[in-house]
């Protein structure tokens, strides 16, 4: 069983930055691919960024060059640094751990609100 807890969301002006954290407990996540997703109002949840167990990263086209995903396996934590935020990026941001013993785990989400 893995528990994921996101933090770092909040209210920020357009052009500002936030750093989200996803702290895992219950199992080490070093062997799992991890992802950040977001669900904007009225839209489906969508992938923002992912990082493999080996550190390979992947980003949605809309965030390339502005967002950075990273992991600290010693802290069992994954981060999402978000720069130059846009108002349309207001959403609930979720952390996901892929295929931990065949199970995908999700956090409860953290709200990011970007004001214009």
N, C-alpha and C. Protein backbone atom coordinates (compact mmCIF):
# COMPACT_ATOMS: atom_id res chain seq x y z
N UNK A 1 0.85 -1.19 0.00
CA UNK A 1 0.00 0.00 0.00
C UNK A 1 0.89 1.24 0.00
N UNK A 2 0.56 2.18 -0.87
CA UNK A 2 1.29 3.43 -0.97
C UNK A 2 0.32 4.58 -0.73
N UNK A 3 0.73 5.51 0.09
CA UNK A 3 -0.03 6.74 0.28
C UNK A 3 0.77 7.89 -0.33
N UNK A 4 0.08 8.70 -1.11
CA UNK A 4 0.69 9.86 -1.75
C UNK A 4 0.01 11.12 -1.23
N UNK A 5 0.81 12.07 -0.79
CA UNK A 5 0.26 13.31 -0.27
C UNK A 5 0.91 14.47 -1.01
N UNK A 6 0.09 15.22 -1.76
CA UNK A 6 0.58 16.39 -2.47
C UNK A 6 0.51 17.63 -1.58
N UNK A 7 1.42 18.53 -1.82
CA UNK A 7 1.42 19.80 -1.12
C UNK A 7 2.07 20.85 -2.01
N UNK A 8 1.92 22.10 -1.61
CA UNK A 8 2.57 23.18 -2.34
C UNK A 8 1.65 23.98 -3.24
N UNK A 9 0.41 23.54 -3.36
CA UNK A 9 -0.52 24.31 -4.16
C UNK A 9 -0.90 25.61 -3.47
N UNK A 10 -1.63 26.43 -4.20
CA UNK A 10 -2.06 27.70 -3.62
C UNK A 10 -2.47 28.67 -4.69
N UNK A 11 -2.48 29.93 -4.28
CA UNK A 11 -2.89 31.02 -5.15
C UNK A 11 -1.65 31.77 -5.63
N UNK A 12 -1.56 31.97 -6.93
CA UNK A 12 -0.39 32.66 -7.49
C UNK A 12 -0.85 33.51 -8.66
N UNK A 13 -0.17 34.62 -8.88
CA UNK A 13 -0.48 35.46 -10.03
C UNK A 13 0.11 34.85 -11.31
N UNK A 14 -0.51 35.16 -12.41
CA UNK A 14 0.02 34.72 -13.70
C UNK A 14 1.47 35.20 -13.84
N UNK A 15 2.30 34.28 -14.33
CA UNK A 15 3.72 34.57 -14.44
C UNK A 15 4.53 34.12 -13.24
N UNK A 16 3.83 33.74 -12.19
CA UNK A 16 4.51 33.32 -10.98
C UNK A 16 4.89 31.86 -11.00
N UNK A 17 5.41 31.41 -9.87
CA UNK A 17 5.92 30.04 -9.75
C UNK A 17 5.37 29.36 -8.51
N UNK A 18 5.28 28.05 -8.60
CA UNK A 18 4.94 27.20 -7.47
C UNK A 18 5.75 25.92 -7.58
N UNK A 19 6.02 25.34 -6.45
CA UNK A 19 6.68 24.02 -6.41
C UNK A 19 5.78 23.06 -5.67
N UNK A 20 5.33 22.05 -6.37
CA UNK A 20 4.51 21.02 -5.76
C UNK A 20 5.38 19.87 -5.30
N UNK A 21 4.96 19.27 -4.21
CA UNK A 21 5.65 18.09 -3.68
C UNK A 21 4.64 16.95 -3.56
N UNK A 22 5.13 15.75 -3.76
CA UNK A 22 4.33 14.55 -3.59
C UNK A 22 5.15 13.60 -2.71
N UNK A 23 4.73 13.48 -1.47
CA UNK A 23 5.44 12.63 -0.52
C UNK A 23 4.77 11.27 -0.45
N UNK A 24 5.54 10.24 -0.63
CA UNK A 24 5.02 8.88 -0.59
C UNK A 24 5.37 8.21 0.73
N UNK A 25 4.47 7.37 1.18
CA UNK A 25 4.73 6.58 2.39
C UNK A 25 4.14 5.19 2.18
N UNK A 26 4.59 4.27 3.00
CA UNK A 26 4.10 2.90 2.92
C UNK A 26 5.01 1.98 2.14
N UNK A 27 5.56 2.47 1.05
CA UNK A 27 6.49 1.71 0.22
C UNK A 27 7.44 2.69 -0.42
N UNK A 28 8.62 2.20 -0.74
CA UNK A 28 9.54 3.02 -1.52
C UNK A 28 9.02 3.13 -2.95
N UNK A 29 9.15 4.29 -3.52
CA UNK A 29 8.67 4.52 -4.89
C UNK A 29 9.82 4.62 -5.88
N UNK A 30 11.01 4.29 -5.43
CA UNK A 30 12.18 4.46 -6.30
C UNK A 30 12.09 3.63 -7.58
N UNK A 31 11.37 2.54 -7.54
CA UNK A 31 11.25 1.69 -8.72
C UNK A 31 10.04 2.00 -9.58
N UNK A 32 9.29 3.01 -9.22
CA UNK A 32 8.05 3.32 -9.92
C UNK A 32 8.19 4.57 -10.78
N UNK A 33 7.55 4.54 -11.92
CA UNK A 33 7.38 5.78 -12.68
C UNK A 33 6.37 6.63 -11.93
N UNK A 34 6.61 7.93 -11.92
CA UNK A 34 5.74 8.85 -11.21
C UNK A 34 5.24 9.92 -12.17
N UNK A 35 4.05 10.39 -11.92
CA UNK A 35 3.51 11.41 -12.81
C UNK A 35 2.74 12.47 -12.06
N UNK A 36 2.69 13.64 -12.67
CA UNK A 36 1.83 14.73 -12.22
C UNK A 36 0.74 14.92 -13.27
N UNK A 37 -0.49 14.99 -12.80
CA UNK A 37 -1.64 15.21 -13.66
C UNK A 37 -2.39 16.42 -13.14
N UNK A 38 -3.25 16.96 -13.96
CA UNK A 38 -4.11 18.05 -13.49
C UNK A 38 -5.50 17.92 -14.11
N UNK A 39 -6.47 18.38 -13.34
CA UNK A 39 -7.84 18.44 -13.84
C UNK A 39 -8.34 19.86 -13.68
N UNK A 40 -8.50 20.51 -14.79
CA UNK A 40 -9.03 21.87 -14.79
C UNK A 40 -10.55 21.81 -14.73
N UNK A 41 -11.19 22.87 -14.28
CA UNK A 41 -12.65 22.89 -14.20
C UNK A 41 -13.29 22.55 -15.54
N UNK A 42 -14.19 21.56 -15.52
CA UNK A 42 -14.89 21.17 -16.73
C UNK A 42 -14.11 20.32 -17.69
N UNK A 43 -12.90 19.92 -17.31
CA UNK A 43 -12.06 19.14 -18.22
C UNK A 43 -11.66 17.82 -17.56
N UNK A 44 -11.17 16.92 -18.40
CA UNK A 44 -10.69 15.64 -17.88
C UNK A 44 -9.28 15.79 -17.31
N UNK A 45 -8.95 14.88 -16.46
CA UNK A 45 -7.60 14.86 -15.91
C UNK A 45 -6.60 14.55 -17.03
N UNK A 46 -5.50 15.28 -17.05
CA UNK A 46 -4.52 15.14 -18.12
C UNK A 46 -3.12 15.10 -17.55
N UNK A 47 -2.25 14.38 -18.25
CA UNK A 47 -0.85 14.27 -17.83
C UNK A 47 -0.14 15.61 -18.02
N UNK A 48 0.60 16.01 -17.01
CA UNK A 48 1.43 17.20 -17.09
C UNK A 48 2.88 16.82 -17.31
N UNK A 49 3.36 15.90 -16.47
CA UNK A 49 4.76 15.48 -16.57
C UNK A 49 4.92 14.12 -15.91
N UNK A 50 5.92 13.39 -16.36
CA UNK A 50 6.20 12.11 -15.75
C UNK A 50 7.70 11.90 -15.67
N UNK A 51 8.09 11.01 -14.77
CA UNK A 51 9.50 10.68 -14.62
C UNK A 51 9.62 9.19 -14.36
N UNK A 52 10.51 8.54 -15.09
CA UNK A 52 10.68 7.11 -14.93
C UNK A 52 11.52 6.82 -13.71
N UNK A 53 11.62 5.54 -13.37
CA UNK A 53 12.46 5.15 -12.25
C UNK A 53 13.92 5.51 -12.52
N UNK A 54 14.29 5.56 -13.77
CA UNK A 54 15.66 5.91 -14.13
C UNK A 54 15.90 7.39 -14.34
N UNK A 55 14.84 8.18 -14.16
CA UNK A 55 15.01 9.63 -14.25
C UNK A 55 14.65 10.25 -15.59
N UNK A 56 14.19 9.43 -16.53
CA UNK A 56 13.76 10.01 -17.82
C UNK A 56 12.47 10.79 -17.62
N UNK A 57 12.40 11.95 -18.24
CA UNK A 57 11.24 12.81 -18.06
C UNK A 57 10.45 12.99 -19.35
N UNK A 58 9.19 13.30 -19.15
CA UNK A 58 8.29 13.53 -20.28
C UNK A 58 7.33 14.64 -19.87
N UNK A 59 7.04 15.55 -20.81
CA UNK A 59 6.19 16.69 -20.49
C UNK A 59 5.10 16.88 -21.54
N UNK A 60 3.97 17.37 -21.08
CA UNK A 60 2.96 17.82 -22.02
C UNK A 60 3.55 19.00 -22.80
N UNK A 61 3.18 19.10 -24.06
CA UNK A 61 3.73 20.16 -24.90
C UNK A 61 3.49 21.54 -24.29
N UNK A 62 2.36 21.70 -23.66
CA UNK A 62 1.99 23.02 -23.16
C UNK A 62 2.86 23.50 -22.00
N UNK A 63 3.59 22.60 -21.35
CA UNK A 63 4.40 22.99 -20.19
C UNK A 63 5.89 22.87 -20.43
N UNK A 64 6.28 22.37 -21.59
CA UNK A 64 7.71 22.20 -21.87
C UNK A 64 8.44 23.54 -21.77
N UNK A 65 9.56 23.50 -21.08
CA UNK A 65 10.36 24.71 -20.90
C UNK A 65 9.95 25.54 -19.69
N UNK A 66 8.81 25.22 -19.10
CA UNK A 66 8.35 25.99 -17.93
C UNK A 66 8.25 25.12 -16.68
N UNK A 67 7.91 23.87 -16.83
CA UNK A 67 7.75 22.95 -15.70
C UNK A 67 8.91 21.97 -15.67
N UNK A 68 9.27 21.57 -14.46
CA UNK A 68 10.32 20.57 -14.30
C UNK A 68 9.88 19.56 -13.24
N UNK A 69 9.93 18.29 -13.61
CA UNK A 69 9.63 17.21 -12.67
C UNK A 69 10.95 16.62 -12.19
N UNK A 70 10.99 16.28 -10.92
CA UNK A 70 12.21 15.70 -10.35
C UNK A 70 11.81 14.75 -9.23
N UNK A 71 12.71 13.86 -8.90
CA UNK A 71 12.43 12.94 -7.81
C UNK A 71 13.64 12.86 -6.89
N UNK A 72 13.34 12.66 -5.62
CA UNK A 72 14.37 12.45 -4.61
C UNK A 72 14.01 11.13 -3.94
N UNK A 73 14.65 10.07 -4.39
CA UNK A 73 14.30 8.75 -3.87
C UNK A 73 14.67 8.59 -2.40
N UNK A 74 15.67 9.30 -1.96
CA UNK A 74 16.04 9.23 -0.54
C UNK A 74 14.93 9.78 0.35
N UNK A 75 14.19 10.74 -0.21
CA UNK A 75 13.07 11.33 0.54
C UNK A 75 11.72 10.75 0.12
N UNK A 76 11.76 9.81 -0.84
CA UNK A 76 10.52 9.20 -1.32
C UNK A 76 9.53 10.27 -1.79
N UNK A 77 10.05 11.24 -2.51
CA UNK A 77 9.27 12.41 -2.88
C UNK A 77 9.52 12.78 -4.33
N UNK A 78 8.46 13.26 -4.96
CA UNK A 78 8.53 13.76 -6.33
C UNK A 78 8.09 15.22 -6.32
N UNK A 79 8.71 16.02 -7.16
CA UNK A 79 8.44 17.45 -7.19
C UNK A 79 7.99 17.88 -8.58
N UNK A 80 7.28 18.97 -8.62
CA UNK A 80 6.95 19.63 -9.87
C UNK A 80 7.18 21.12 -9.69
N UNK A 81 8.22 21.61 -10.32
CA UNK A 81 8.49 23.05 -10.32
C UNK A 81 7.75 23.67 -11.48
N UNK A 82 6.91 24.63 -11.19
CA UNK A 82 6.08 25.27 -12.22
C UNK A 82 6.42 26.75 -12.28
N UNK A 83 6.91 27.18 -13.42
CA UNK A 83 7.27 28.58 -13.63
C UNK A 83 6.39 29.19 -14.72
N UNK A 84 6.33 30.49 -14.72
CA UNK A 84 5.56 31.22 -15.73
C UNK A 84 4.14 30.68 -15.85
N UNK A 85 3.50 30.54 -14.73
CA UNK A 85 2.17 29.95 -14.72
C UNK A 85 1.15 30.84 -15.43
N UNK A 86 0.19 30.19 -16.03
CA UNK A 86 -0.86 30.86 -16.78
C UNK A 86 -2.21 30.61 -16.11
N UNK A 87 -3.13 31.52 -16.33
CA UNK A 87 -4.42 31.41 -15.66
C UNK A 87 -5.16 30.12 -16.06
N UNK A 88 -4.94 29.68 -17.29
CA UNK A 88 -5.61 28.46 -17.74
C UNK A 88 -5.04 27.20 -17.11
N UNK A 89 -3.99 27.36 -16.32
CA UNK A 89 -3.41 26.22 -15.62
C UNK A 89 -3.98 26.04 -14.23
N UNK A 90 -4.97 26.84 -13.93
CA UNK A 90 -5.73 26.63 -12.70
C UNK A 90 -6.37 25.24 -12.74
N UNK A 91 -6.07 24.44 -11.73
CA UNK A 91 -6.53 23.06 -11.74
C UNK A 91 -6.20 22.42 -10.40
N UNK A 92 -6.75 21.24 -10.22
CA UNK A 92 -6.29 20.38 -9.13
C UNK A 92 -5.18 19.51 -9.71
N UNK A 93 -4.06 19.50 -9.04
CA UNK A 93 -2.89 18.74 -9.49
C UNK A 93 -2.76 17.48 -8.64
N UNK A 94 -2.60 16.37 -9.35
CA UNK A 94 -2.53 15.06 -8.70
C UNK A 94 -1.20 14.39 -9.00
N UNK A 95 -0.76 13.64 -8.04
CA UNK A 95 0.43 12.81 -8.17
C UNK A 95 0.00 11.36 -8.36
N UNK A 96 0.73 10.64 -9.19
CA UNK A 96 0.41 9.24 -9.44
C UNK A 96 1.67 8.39 -9.40
N UNK A 97 1.57 7.24 -8.77
CA UNK A 97 2.64 6.25 -8.79
C UNK A 97 2.17 5.08 -9.65
N UNK A 98 2.96 4.76 -10.67
CA UNK A 98 2.56 3.73 -11.62
C UNK A 98 3.07 2.36 -11.23
N UNK A 99 2.15 1.41 -11.26
CA UNK A 99 2.51 -0.01 -11.23
C UNK A 99 3.43 -0.35 -10.06
N UNK A 100 2.97 -0.04 -8.86
CA UNK A 100 3.67 -0.49 -7.67
C UNK A 100 3.05 -1.83 -7.31
N UNK A 101 3.78 -2.90 -7.60
CA UNK A 101 3.24 -4.26 -7.44
C UNK A 101 1.92 -4.40 -8.18
N UNK A 102 1.87 -3.82 -9.37
CA UNK A 102 0.70 -3.96 -10.22
C UNK A 102 -0.44 -3.01 -9.92
N UNK A 103 -0.24 -2.09 -9.02
CA UNK A 103 -1.30 -1.16 -8.63
C UNK A 103 -0.84 0.28 -8.89
N UNK A 104 -1.74 1.08 -9.43
CA UNK A 104 -1.49 2.51 -9.58
C UNK A 104 -2.09 3.24 -8.39
N UNK A 105 -1.35 4.19 -7.87
CA UNK A 105 -1.82 4.95 -6.72
C UNK A 105 -1.92 6.43 -7.08
N UNK A 106 -2.93 7.07 -6.51
CA UNK A 106 -3.15 8.51 -6.72
C UNK A 106 -3.18 9.23 -5.38
N UNK A 107 -2.70 10.45 -5.39
CA UNK A 107 -2.87 11.31 -4.24
C UNK A 107 -4.22 11.97 -4.27
N UNK A 108 -4.49 12.77 -3.26
CA UNK A 108 -5.80 13.41 -3.14
C UNK A 108 -5.88 14.71 -3.93
N UNK A 109 -4.75 15.21 -4.36
CA UNK A 109 -4.72 16.42 -5.17
C UNK A 109 -4.45 17.68 -4.36
N UNK A 110 -3.90 18.66 -5.04
CA UNK A 110 -3.68 19.97 -4.43
C UNK A 110 -4.13 21.04 -5.43
N UNK A 111 -4.83 22.02 -4.92
CA UNK A 111 -5.41 23.05 -5.78
C UNK A 111 -4.37 24.10 -6.13
N UNK A 112 -4.27 24.40 -7.41
CA UNK A 112 -3.45 25.51 -7.90
C UNK A 112 -4.38 26.50 -8.59
N UNK A 113 -4.36 27.73 -8.13
CA UNK A 113 -5.19 28.77 -8.72
C UNK A 113 -4.28 29.89 -9.21
N UNK A 114 -4.37 30.17 -10.50
CA UNK A 114 -3.53 31.20 -11.10
C UNK A 114 -4.44 32.36 -11.50
N UNK A 115 -4.18 33.51 -10.92
CA UNK A 115 -5.00 34.67 -11.20
C UNK A 115 -4.35 35.54 -12.28
N UNK A 116 -5.19 36.11 -13.10
CA UNK A 116 -4.66 36.94 -14.20
C UNK A 116 -4.65 38.40 -13.80
